[in-house]
Structures are given as C-alpha cells and as structure tokens.
Amino acid sequence: MIKEKSLIEIRWHGRGGQGAVTTAEILAQAAISEGKFAQAFPSFGPERRGAPVQAFNRIDSREPVRIRADVTEPDYVVVLDPGLLEKVNVTSGLKKGGSVIVNTRKTAKEIQKEFKIKYPVATINASKLAREILGVPIVNTTVLGALIKVTGIVKKESAHAPLEKRFGRLGERNINAMETAYEQVAFEEQ
C-alpha cells in the first residue's frame, strides 16, 4: 500500500525586514493549532535589512518533524520580493508537482515566460494590498493568505490567533490582509 505524503516543505524567499521569518513562524503555529507537527526556521547570516533571506517550513500531518536542515527540495516556494526572481534561482530543487507563489503585479503567465518557470505559478499583488490595508508595504501576512489558498496546508482561520498574538492591536488588519489575498490570488497551471 502506498502511503499518502504527509510532509510538506516550503521555502520562503524575501529580503531582511519583509517578514519571511515571522510568517513562517505564524504558519507553523497555525499548523500546530490544527494538531499537525510543524517547524519554522530562518537561514541568514549577519545580513542587513534588505538583504536576501530564506525561511523554511516543514509541516507533517501525521508524525513529528525530525529533519533539522534547510529545505533544499520544497513542495512550494514563496517569493515576497519579485526582484529576487532576477537574482536567485527560486525554483532550485522544487519538487515535481510543486508550485511557486509570487508577490507581483504581473500575471502568472508573464512570470512563467519571463523567468522560464516550468511550474504552476500563483500571483498576488501583495505590495498593493499591504499598502491599502496595512498602510505599509510589508507583504508577509498578505502573501500568507495566497499560500494558504494555493496549498490548503491549514485553514485560514487557524492563522487568526497567531496573527493576533504576533501583531497585537494590528492583528485585525493583518488578518484582513491575509483574507483579502486569500480571495484575490490568481493561479496558473503550467
């Protein structure tokens, strides 16, 4: 009998200060609240604000996650800063059947063509939504909504409590940003 895959690995690409690490942690907390096993961790050195960073999630619906290494073969890749598509091979190691979620004004087809991405791509103009809803161009919670919609990895409601805890009085605005992106994400199969 073939065992259904239970471990999902996610690699986040962003820049220092965009909240990739924070959002990976929020996603892990949401998964744990649903009874799943999860971890979140960053990969960066002494970079300054604006330097490229990576964060990772491993979420397993059946058993504890014991792997303690960077995610080199993700199921999903999340790109917070579309400028990184020109500098970093974000699809490196992406598993067959994997997807890429990008914060961009461009369509998924445009991203696929311009950067020769041969995987399904989901796009969301998270920068615009963040400015409109949060008043700042910090896109992490907005992109989280797109990731949840594309992957179904957790219920969007499961992210509410971690968002409220992390952002306090700004929690409701971040929930609104996440929920709006959840509704507006556009997905293009390859």
Protein backbone atom coordinates (compact mmCIF):
# COMPACT_ATOMS: atom_id res chain seq x y z
CA MET A 1 0.00 0.00 0.00
CA ILE A 2 1.37 3.42 -0.95
CA LYS A 3 1.42 5.84 1.95
CA GLU A 4 -0.04 9.27 1.18
CA LYS A 5 2.55 12.01 1.52
CA SER A 6 2.18 13.79 4.82
CA LEU A 7 5.29 16.04 4.93
CA ILE A 8 5.06 19.37 3.12
CA GLU A 9 8.14 21.57 2.79
CA ILE A 10 8.06 25.29 2.00
CA ARG A 11 10.89 27.68 1.18
CA TRP A 12 10.31 31.43 1.59
CA HIS A 13 12.45 33.95 -0.34
CA GLY A 14 12.42 37.53 0.85
CA ARG A 15 14.57 40.40 1.99
CA GLY A 16 15.51 41.30 5.53
CA GLY A 17 12.64 43.24 7.08
CA GLN A 18 9.88 41.84 4.85
CA GLY A 19 8.74 39.34 7.46
CA ALA A 20 9.53 35.98 5.82
CA VAL A 21 10.80 34.55 9.11
CA THR A 22 7.82 35.88 11.08
CA THR A 23 5.33 34.47 8.59
CA ALA A 24 6.98 31.05 8.53
CA GLU A 25 6.59 31.03 12.32
CA ILE A 26 2.92 32.09 12.09
CA LEU A 27 2.24 29.31 9.57
CA ALA A 28 3.89 26.75 11.86
CA GLN A 29 1.78 27.95 14.81
CA ALA A 30 -1.38 27.68 12.71
CA ALA A 31 -0.48 24.12 11.71
CA ILE A 32 0.27 23.14 15.31
CA SER A 33 -3.11 24.55 16.40
CA GLU A 34 -4.69 22.05 13.97
CA GLY A 35 -2.83 19.15 15.60
CA LYS A 36 -0.12 18.93 12.94
CA PHE A 37 3.60 18.79 13.52
CA ALA A 38 5.48 21.83 12.26
CA GLN A 39 8.72 23.73 12.33
CA ALA A 40 9.83 27.10 11.03
CA PHE A 41 13.35 28.45 10.87
CA PRO A 42 15.41 31.05 9.00
CA SER A 43 18.61 30.85 7.01
CA PHE A 44 20.57 34.05 7.08
CA GLY A 45 23.81 35.38 8.41
CA PRO A 46 24.56 38.86 9.64
CA GLU A 47 22.77 40.42 6.66
CA ARG A 48 21.36 43.88 6.90
CA ARG A 49 17.81 44.99 6.27
CA GLY A 50 17.02 44.48 2.58
CA ALA A 51 19.49 41.63 2.02
CA PRO A 52 18.11 38.34 0.63
CA VAL A 53 16.93 35.89 3.29
CA GLN A 54 15.28 32.50 3.30
CA ALA A 55 12.92 30.92 5.78
CA PHE A 56 11.58 27.40 5.83
CA ASN A 57 8.59 25.39 6.99
CA ARG A 58 8.09 21.69 7.37
CA ILE A 59 4.56 20.59 8.21
CA ASP A 60 3.55 16.99 8.69
CA SER A 61 0.00 15.86 9.34
CA ARG A 62 0.99 12.51 10.88
CA GLU A 63 4.34 12.46 12.61
CA PRO A 64 6.87 14.74 14.30
CA VAL A 65 9.30 16.54 12.02
CA ARG A 66 12.82 15.45 12.88
CA ILE A 67 14.76 16.93 9.96
CA ARG A 68 16.85 19.93 11.01
CA ALA A 69 18.35 21.06 7.70
CA ASP A 70 17.45 23.78 5.21
CA VAL A 71 14.68 22.88 2.77
CA THR A 72 16.50 22.16 -0.49
CA GLU A 73 13.65 20.32 -2.24
CA PRO A 74 10.50 22.26 -1.39
CA ASP A 75 6.94 21.44 -2.38
CA TYR A 76 6.18 25.16 -2.51
CA VAL A 77 8.27 28.29 -2.95
CA VAL A 78 7.05 31.69 -1.79
CA VAL A 79 8.66 34.86 -3.18
CA LEU A 80 7.98 38.04 -1.20
CA ASP A 81 10.14 40.30 -3.39
CA PRO A 82 9.76 39.79 -7.15
CA GLY A 83 13.19 41.41 -7.68
CA LEU A 84 14.70 38.21 -6.28
CA LEU A 85 13.50 36.31 -9.36
CA GLU A 86 16.30 38.04 -11.30
CA LYS A 87 18.96 37.28 -8.70
CA VAL A 88 18.10 33.89 -7.20
CA ASN A 89 17.03 30.61 -8.78
CA VAL A 90 13.96 30.34 -6.57
CA THR A 91 12.83 27.09 -8.22
CA SER A 92 16.09 25.31 -7.40
CA GLY A 93 15.18 21.84 -6.11
CA LEU A 94 11.42 22.43 -6.41
CA LYS A 95 9.74 19.03 -6.43
CA LYS A 96 7.77 17.73 -9.37
CA GLY A 97 4.20 18.92 -8.82
CA GLY A 98 5.46 21.90 -6.84
CA SER A 99 4.22 25.48 -7.15
CA VAL A 100 5.60 28.99 -6.84
CA ILE A 101 3.70 31.84 -5.16
CA VAL A 102 4.94 35.32 -6.12
CA ASN A 103 4.17 38.82 -4.88
CA THR A 104 3.93 40.72 -8.17
CA ARG A 105 1.80 42.96 -10.34
CA LYS A 106 2.43 40.61 -13.26
CA THR A 107 0.28 37.66 -14.25
CA ALA A 108 1.36 34.09 -13.64
CA LYS A 109 1.85 33.57 -17.39
CA GLU A 110 4.10 36.63 -17.56
CA ILE A 111 6.20 35.37 -14.63
CA GLN A 112 6.44 31.88 -16.14
CA LYS A 113 7.55 33.25 -19.50
CA GLU A 114 9.93 35.96 -18.26
CA PHE A 115 11.75 33.75 -15.76
CA LYS A 116 11.31 30.42 -17.61
CA ILE A 117 9.48 28.85 -14.68
CA LYS A 118 8.15 25.45 -15.65
CA TYR A 119 5.94 25.03 -12.58
CA PRO A 120 2.47 26.26 -11.71
CA VAL A 121 2.64 29.87 -10.50
CA ALA A 122 0.24 31.79 -8.27
CA THR A 123 0.43 35.57 -8.17
CA ILE A 124 -0.85 38.19 -5.80
CA ASN A 125 -0.15 41.92 -5.75
CA ALA A 126 0.64 41.72 -2.06
CA SER A 127 2.53 45.03 -2.07
CA LYS A 128 -0.56 46.92 -3.22
CA LEU A 129 -2.83 45.13 -0.75
CA ALA A 130 -0.40 45.71 2.12
CA ARG A 131 -0.22 49.42 1.39
CA GLU A 132 -4.01 49.67 1.15
CA ILE A 133 -4.87 47.55 4.19
CA LEU A 134 -1.85 47.87 6.48
CA GLY A 135 -0.57 51.26 5.38
CA VAL A 136 2.94 49.84 4.84
CA PRO A 137 4.46 47.74 2.04
CA ILE A 138 5.25 44.78 4.33
CA VAL A 139 3.80 41.86 2.42
CA ASN A 140 4.32 38.83 4.64
CA THR A 141 0.82 38.36 6.04
CA THR A 142 -0.73 39.18 2.68
CA VAL A 143 1.34 36.52 0.92
CA LEU A 144 0.42 34.09 3.70
CA GLY A 145 -3.21 34.29 2.54
CA ALA A 146 -2.17 33.40 -1.00
CA LEU A 147 -0.08 30.45 0.23
CA ILE A 148 -2.94 29.10 2.35
CA LYS A 149 -5.37 29.32 -0.58
CA VAL A 150 -2.99 27.63 -3.05
CA THR A 151 -1.83 24.86 -0.71
CA GLY A 152 -4.73 24.25 1.67
CA ILE A 153 -1.99 23.43 4.18
CA VAL A 154 -4.00 24.99 7.03
CA LYS A 155 -7.40 26.59 7.36
CA LYS A 156 -7.14 30.36 7.08
CA GLU A 157 -8.96 30.69 10.42
CA SER A 158 -6.12 28.79 12.08
CA ALA A 159 -3.80 31.72 11.32
CA HIS A 160 -6.03 34.24 13.12
CA ALA A 161 -4.81 33.57 16.68
CA PRO A 162 -1.08 33.58 15.75
CA LEU A 163 -1.57 36.82 13.79
CA GLU A 164 -3.39 38.44 16.73
CA LYS A 165 -0.73 37.29 19.17
CA ARG A 166 2.16 38.48 16.99
CA PHE A 167 0.71 41.82 15.90
CA GLY A 168 -1.43 42.78 18.90
CA ARG A 169 -3.65 45.76 18.11
CA LEU A 170 -2.66 45.44 14.42
CA GLY A 171 -3.74 41.80 14.36
CA GLU A 172 -7.13 42.51 12.82
CA ARG A 173 -5.59 44.48 9.95
CA ASN A 174 -3.15 41.65 9.26
CA ILE A 175 -5.99 39.13 9.30
CA ASN A 176 -7.85 41.34 6.83
CA ALA A 177 -4.75 41.49 4.58
CA MET A 178 -4.39 37.71 4.71
CA GLU A 179 -8.08 37.12 3.99
CA THR A 180 -8.12 39.60 1.07
CA ALA A 181 -5.10 37.93 -0.54
CA TYR A 182 -6.75 34.54 0.01
CA GLU A 183 -9.66 35.76 -2.11
CA GLN A 184 -7.60 37.53 -4.78
CA VAL A 185 -4.71 35.15 -5.53
CA ALA A 186 -4.53 34.10 -9.19
CA PHE A 187 -3.24 30.64 -10.08
CA GLU A 188 -1.89 29.42 -13.42
CA GLU A 189 -1.11 25.78 -14.13
CA GLN A 190 1.91 25.07 -16.33
